[in-house]
C-alpha atoms as a PDB file:
ATOM      1  CA  UNK A   1     -15.435 -26.387  -1.341  1.00  0.00           C
ATOM      2  CA  UNK A   2     -17.326 -23.138  -1.721  1.00  0.00           C
ATOM      3  CA  UNK A   3     -15.502 -20.631   0.459  1.00  0.00           C
ATOM      4  CA  UNK A   4     -17.903 -17.689   0.349  1.00  0.00           C
ATOM      5  CA  UNK A   5     -21.090 -19.511   1.488  1.00  0.00           C
ATOM      6  CA  UNK A   6     -19.192 -21.170   4.342  1.00  0.00           C
ATOM      7  CA  UNK A   7     -17.627 -17.861   5.329  1.00  0.00           C
ATOM      8  CA  UNK A   8     -21.036 -16.148   5.267  1.00  0.00           C
ATOM      9  CA  UNK A   9     -22.644 -18.902   7.328  1.00  0.00           C
ATOM     10  CA  UNK A  10     -19.951 -18.685  10.025  1.00  0.00           C
ATOM     11  CA  UNK A  11     -20.229 -14.888  10.094  1.00  0.00           C
ATOM     12  CA  UNK A  12     -24.045 -15.055  10.398  1.00  0.00           C
ATOM     13  CA  UNK A  13     -23.830 -17.460  13.359  1.00  0.00           C
ATOM     14  CA  UNK A  14     -21.370 -15.214  15.165  1.00  0.00           C
ATOM     15  CA  UNK A  15     -23.501 -12.117  14.517  1.00  0.00           C
ATOM     16  CA  UNK A  16     -26.651 -13.841  15.791  1.00  0.00           C
ATOM     17  CA  UNK A  17     -24.884 -14.277  19.134  1.00  0.00           C
ATOM     18  CA  UNK A  18     -23.257 -10.847  19.370  1.00  0.00           C
ATOM     19  CA  UNK A  19     -26.050  -8.685  17.863  1.00  0.00           C
ATOM     20  CA  UNK A  20     -29.323 -10.556  18.488  1.00  0.00           C
ATOM     21  CA  UNK A  21     -31.519  -7.456  18.052  1.00  0.00           C
ATOM     22  CA  UNK A  22     -31.211  -7.814  14.263  1.00  0.00           C
ATOM     23  CA  UNK A  23     -32.322 -10.710  12.094  1.00  0.00           C
ATOM     24  CA  UNK A  24     -29.277 -11.898  10.133  1.00  0.00           C
ATOM     25  CA  UNK A  25     -29.628 -13.330   6.614  1.00  0.00           C
ATOM     26  CA  UNK A  26     -27.028 -14.637   4.212  1.00  0.00           C
ATOM     27  CA  UNK A  27     -27.501 -13.952   0.520  1.00  0.00           C
ATOM     28  CA  UNK A  28     -30.018 -11.159   1.155  1.00  0.00           C
ATOM     29  CA  UNK A  29     -31.361  -9.067  -1.714  1.00  0.00           C
ATOM     30  CA  UNK A  30     -34.005  -6.354  -1.901  1.00  0.00           C
ATOM     31  CA  UNK A  31     -37.299  -7.216  -3.559  1.00  0.00           C
ATOM     32  CA  UNK A  32     -37.059  -6.884  -7.310  1.00  0.00           C
ATOM     33  CA  UNK A  33     -33.254  -6.999  -7.360  1.00  0.00           C
ATOM     34  CA  UNK A  34     -31.149  -9.879  -8.648  1.00  0.00           C
ATOM     35  CA  UNK A  35     -27.925  -9.084  -6.797  1.00  0.00           C
ATOM     36  CA  UNK A  36     -27.174 -10.179  -3.232  1.00  0.00           C
ATOM     37  CA  UNK A  37     -25.069  -9.055  -0.310  1.00  0.00           C
ATOM     38  CA  UNK A  38     -23.133 -11.631   1.682  1.00  0.00           C
ATOM     39  CA  UNK A  39     -24.887 -10.973   5.010  1.00  0.00           C
ATOM     40  CA  UNK A  40     -27.561  -8.452   6.001  1.00  0.00           C
ATOM     41  CA  UNK A  41     -28.870  -7.382   9.397  1.00  0.00           C
ATOM     42  CA  UNK A  42     -32.602  -6.730   9.133  1.00  0.00           C
ATOM     43  CA  UNK A  43     -34.959  -4.952  11.515  1.00  0.00           C
ATOM     44  CA  UNK A  44     -38.699  -5.067  12.124  1.00  0.00           C
ATOM     45  CA  UNK A  45     -41.500  -7.015  10.509  1.00  0.00           C
ATOM     46  CA  UNK A  46     -40.786  -5.305   7.196  1.00  0.00           C
ATOM     47  CA  UNK A  47     -37.197  -6.577   7.487  1.00  0.00           C
ATOM     48  CA  UNK A  48     -35.606  -3.226   6.680  1.00  0.00           C
ATOM     49  CA  UNK A  49     -31.849  -3.505   6.122  1.00  0.00           C
ATOM     50  CA  UNK A  50     -29.778  -1.867   8.871  1.00  0.00           C
ATOM     51  CA  UNK A  51     -26.430  -3.529   8.182  1.00  0.00           C
ATOM     52  CA  UNK A  52     -25.066  -4.790   4.860  1.00  0.00           C
ATOM     53  CA  UNK A  53     -21.833  -6.793   4.796  1.00  0.00           C
ATOM     54  CA  UNK A  54     -19.695  -7.665   1.797  1.00  0.00           C
ATOM     55  CA  UNK A  55     -16.673  -9.875   2.420  1.00  0.00           C
ATOM     56  CA  UNK A  56     -14.126  -9.764  -0.392  1.00  0.00           C
ATOM     57  CA  UNK A  57     -12.161 -12.987  -0.279  1.00  0.00           C
ATOM     58  CA  UNK A  58     -10.857 -13.106  -3.846  1.00  0.00           C
ATOM     59  CA  UNK A  59     -13.337 -11.403  -6.208  1.00  0.00           C
ATOM     60  CA  UNK A  60     -11.948  -9.450  -9.139  1.00  0.00           C
ATOM     61  CA  UNK A  61     -13.996  -6.250  -8.795  1.00  0.00           C
ATOM     62  CA  UNK A  62     -14.952  -5.272  -5.245  1.00  0.00           C
ATOM     63  CA  UNK A  63     -16.030  -1.792  -6.404  1.00  0.00           C
ATOM     64  CA  UNK A  64     -18.996  -3.454  -8.127  1.00  0.00           C
ATOM     65  CA  UNK A  65     -20.383  -4.400  -4.703  1.00  0.00           C
ATOM     66  CA  UNK A  66     -20.297  -0.767  -3.593  1.00  0.00           C
ATOM     67  CA  UNK A  67     -21.881   0.427  -6.833  1.00  0.00           C
ATOM     68  CA  UNK A  68     -24.802  -2.009  -6.589  1.00  0.00           C
ATOM     69  CA  UNK A  69     -25.605  -0.786  -3.057  1.00  0.00           C
ATOM     70  CA  UNK A  70     -25.234   2.853  -4.127  1.00  0.00           C
ATOM     71  CA  UNK A  71     -27.521   2.386  -7.125  1.00  0.00           C
ATOM     72  CA  UNK A  72     -30.158   0.587  -5.045  1.00  0.00           C
ATOM     73  CA  UNK A  73     -30.106   3.259  -2.309  1.00  0.00           C
ATOM     74  CA  UNK A  74     -30.358   6.007  -4.927  1.00  0.00           C
ATOM     75  CA  UNK A  75     -33.291   4.329  -6.715  1.00  0.00           C
ATOM     76  CA  UNK A  76     -35.104   3.697  -3.410  1.00  0.00           C
ATOM     77  CA  UNK A  77     -34.361   7.217  -2.169  1.00  0.00           C
ATOM     78  CA  UNK A  78     -33.195   5.619   1.055  1.00  0.00           C
ATOM     79  CA  UNK A  79     -33.918   7.616   4.213  1.00  0.00           C
ATOM     80  CA  UNK A  80     -33.119   4.948   6.818  1.00  0.00           C
ATOM     81  CA  UNK A  81     -29.573   4.748   8.212  1.00  0.00           C
ATOM     82  CA  UNK A  82     -27.646   1.735   6.907  1.00  0.00           C
ATOM     83  CA  UNK A  83     -24.176   0.586   7.928  1.00  0.00           C
ATOM     84  CA  UNK A  84     -22.312  -0.944   4.982  1.00  0.00           C
ATOM     85  CA  UNK A  85     -19.233  -2.923   6.084  1.00  0.00           C
ATOM     86  CA  UNK A  86     -16.809  -3.946   3.364  1.00  0.00           C
ATOM     87  CA  UNK A  87     -14.281  -6.544   4.521  1.00  0.00           C
ATOM     88  CA  UNK A  88     -11.105  -7.212   2.524  1.00  0.00           C
ATOM     89  CA  UNK A  89      -8.954 -10.320   2.793  1.00  0.00           C
ATOM     90  CA  UNK A  90      -5.159 -10.278   2.902  1.00  0.00           C
ATOM     91  CA  UNK A  91      -5.109 -10.579  -0.892  1.00  0.00           C
ATOM     92  CA  UNK A  92      -6.466  -7.024  -1.193  1.00  0.00           C
ATOM     93  CA  UNK A  93      -3.933  -5.589   1.245  1.00  0.00           C
ATOM     94  CA  UNK A  94      -0.927  -7.131  -0.523  1.00  0.00           C
ATOM     95  CA  UNK A  95      -1.525  -8.103  -4.161  1.00  0.00           C
ATOM     96  CA  UNK A  96      -4.733  -6.369  -5.255  1.00  0.00           C
ATOM     97  CA  UNK A  97      -4.202  -3.063  -3.475  1.00  0.00           C
ATOM     98  CA  UNK A  98      -5.470  -0.919  -6.357  1.00  0.00           C
ATOM     99  CA  UNK A  99      -8.772  -2.849  -6.471  1.00  0.00           C
ATOM    100  CA  UNK A 100      -9.280  -2.326  -2.722  1.00  0.00           C
ATOM    101  CA  UNK A 101      -8.411   1.366  -2.976  1.00  0.00           C
ATOM    102  CA  UNK A 102     -10.819   1.794  -5.899  1.00  0.00           C
ATOM    103  CA  UNK A 103     -13.652   0.180  -3.916  1.00  0.00           C
ATOM    104  CA  UNK A 104     -12.880   2.348  -0.882  1.00  0.00           C
ATOM    105  CA  UNK A 105     -12.844   5.464  -3.057  1.00  0.00           C
ATOM    106  CA  UNK A 106     -16.272   4.606  -4.486  1.00  0.00           C
ATOM    107  CA  UNK A 107     -17.560   3.869  -0.968  1.00  0.00           C
ATOM    108  CA  UNK A 108     -16.385   7.244   0.297  1.00  0.00           C
ATOM    109  CA  UNK A 109     -18.127   8.988  -2.633  1.00  0.00           C
ATOM    110  CA  UNK A 110     -21.304   7.041  -1.841  1.00  0.00           C
ATOM    111  CA  UNK A 111     -21.246   8.430   1.706  1.00  0.00           C
ATOM    112  CA  UNK A 112     -20.863  11.960   0.307  1.00  0.00           C
ATOM    113  CA  UNK A 113     -24.009  11.412  -1.813  1.00  0.00           C
ATOM    114  CA  UNK A 114     -26.090  11.715   1.400  1.00  0.00           C
ATOM    115  CA  UNK A 115     -27.980   8.437   0.984  1.00  0.00           C
ATOM    116  CA  UNK A 116     -27.891   7.684   4.731  1.00  0.00           C
ATOM    117  CA  UNK A 117     -25.332   4.912   4.177  1.00  0.00           C
ATOM    118  CA  UNK A 118     -22.255   4.780   6.391  1.00  0.00           C
ATOM    119  CA  UNK A 119     -19.430   2.941   4.580  1.00  0.00           C
ATOM    120  CA  UNK A 120     -16.722   1.241   6.627  1.00  0.00           C
ATOM    121  CA  UNK A 121     -13.943  -0.884   5.203  1.00  0.00           C
ATOM    122  CA  UNK A 122     -11.969  -3.305   7.328  1.00  0.00           C
ATOM    123  CA  UNK A 123      -9.422  -6.088   7.137  1.00  0.00           C
ATOM    124  CA  UNK A 124     -10.419  -9.711   7.277  1.00  0.00           C
ATOM    125  CA  UNK A 125      -7.752 -11.346   9.408  1.00  0.00           C
ATOM    126  CA  UNK A 126      -6.875 -14.930   8.577  1.00  0.00           C
ATOM    127  CA  UNK A 127      -4.291 -15.538  11.273  1.00  0.00           C
ATOM    128  CA  UNK A 128      -5.010 -17.167  14.596  1.00  0.00           C
ATOM    129  CA  UNK A 129      -3.597 -14.842  17.264  1.00  0.00           C
ATOM    130  CA  UNK A 130      -2.677 -17.551  19.779  1.00  0.00           C
ATOM    131  CA  UNK A 131       0.969 -17.891  20.788  1.00  0.00           C
ATOM    132  CA  UNK A 132       0.961 -21.545  19.862  1.00  0.00           C
ATOM    133  CA  UNK A 133       0.070 -20.841  16.214  1.00  0.00           C
ATOM    134  CA  UNK A 134       3.180 -18.676  15.785  1.00  0.00           C
ATOM    135  CA  UNK A 135       5.564 -21.526  16.586  1.00  0.00           C
ATOM    136  CA  UNK A 136       3.432 -24.498  15.692  1.00  0.00           C
ATOM    137  CA  UNK A 137       4.156 -26.324  12.431  1.00  0.00           C
ATOM    138  CA  UNK A 138       1.790 -29.116  11.478  1.00  0.00           C
ATOM    139  CA  UNK A 139       3.329 -32.539  11.067  1.00  0.00           C
ATOM    140  CA  UNK A 140       3.745 -33.676   7.519  1.00  0.00           C
ATOM    141  CA  UNK A 141       5.199 -36.718   5.917  1.00  0.00           C
ATOM    142  CA  UNK A 142       4.330 -40.210   4.869  1.00  0.00           C
ATOM    143  CA  UNK A 143       1.042 -41.448   6.287  1.00  0.00           C
ATOM    144  CA  UNK A 144       0.073 -38.150   7.894  1.00  0.00           C
ATOM    145  CA  UNK A 145      -2.971 -36.281   6.588  1.00  0.00           C
ATOM    146  CA  UNK A 146      -3.440 -32.723   7.798  1.00  0.00           C
ATOM    147  CA  UNK A 147      -6.854 -31.154   7.816  1.00  0.00           C
ATOM    148  CA  UNK A 148      -6.893 -28.402   5.216  1.00  0.00           C
ATOM    149  CA  UNK A 149      -7.499 -24.870   6.509  1.00  0.00           C
ATOM    150  CA  UNK A 150      -7.402 -25.799  10.208  1.00  0.00           C
ATOM    151  CA  UNK A 151     -10.516 -23.702  10.856  1.00  0.00           C
ATOM    152  CA  UNK A 152      -8.943 -20.441   9.718  1.00  0.00           C
ATOM    153  CA  UNK A 153     -11.912 -19.569   7.492  1.00  0.00           C
ATOM    154  CA  UNK A 154     -14.272 -19.882  10.459  1.00  0.00           C
ATOM    155  CA  UNK A 155     -11.951 -17.825  12.666  1.00  0.00           C
ATOM    156  CA  UNK A 156     -11.717 -15.124  10.006  1.00  0.00           C
ATOM    157  CA  UNK A 157     -15.512 -14.991   9.656  1.00  0.00           C
ATOM    158  CA  UNK A 158     -15.909 -14.738  13.424  1.00  0.00           C
ATOM    159  CA  UNK A 159     -13.276 -11.991  13.507  1.00  0.00           C
ATOM    160  CA  UNK A 160     -15.126  -9.979  10.866  1.00  0.00           C
ATOM    161  CA  UNK A 161     -18.392 -10.503  12.762  1.00  0.00           C
ATOM    162  CA  UNK A 162     -16.728  -9.186  15.918  1.00  0.00           C
ATOM    163  CA  UNK A 163     -15.576  -6.074  14.040  1.00  0.00           C
ATOM    164  CA  UNK A 164     -19.084  -5.553  12.597  1.00  0.00           C
ATOM    165  CA  UNK A 165     -20.595  -5.830  16.088  1.00  0.00           C
ATOM    166  CA  UNK A 166     -18.106  -3.212  17.321  1.00  0.00           C
ATOM    167  CA  UNK A 167     -19.023  -0.882  14.439  1.00  0.00           C
ATOM    168  CA  UNK A 168     -22.743  -1.327  15.173  1.00  0.00           C
ATOM    169  CA  UNK A 169     -22.242  -0.444  18.838  1.00  0.00           C
ATOM    170  CA  UNK A 170     -20.204   2.659  17.950  1.00  0.00           C
ATOM    171  CA  UNK A 171     -22.722   3.910  15.359  1.00  0.00           C
END
């Protein structure tokens, strides 16, 4: 199962409902570029990027995602405001802390470069917040087959989309 495309698809669907004024695309890339962002919010007939989202689930170098955006904005001499949201899974808050901190440091320097890009990093939450999930343990044993994931990937994508929508409203 490919986690990232499924995650992106769920996030796009949630964003289409919560922020319908933008056209949401997964795997977006600027013309002439070979890299992609996970999800982009585009505006107008020219489909100018207004929101770029990178969700780090388990990549080895999240700073590379910031650098590619920075380089592109610098080459284009970007003058339009863009919100760049960088989501980090639990892995980057517990085991790969230095990689997350490095990416955040690069993002903060990108903002200082005055390229009209607002960088926001956030947690991707993989836990269902319902009371039942705290005490519920799935049945296991002979003859019982549990569904893997139990929809947590979809819930996490929807949670990140909700945070992005909040950041868009506050910008």
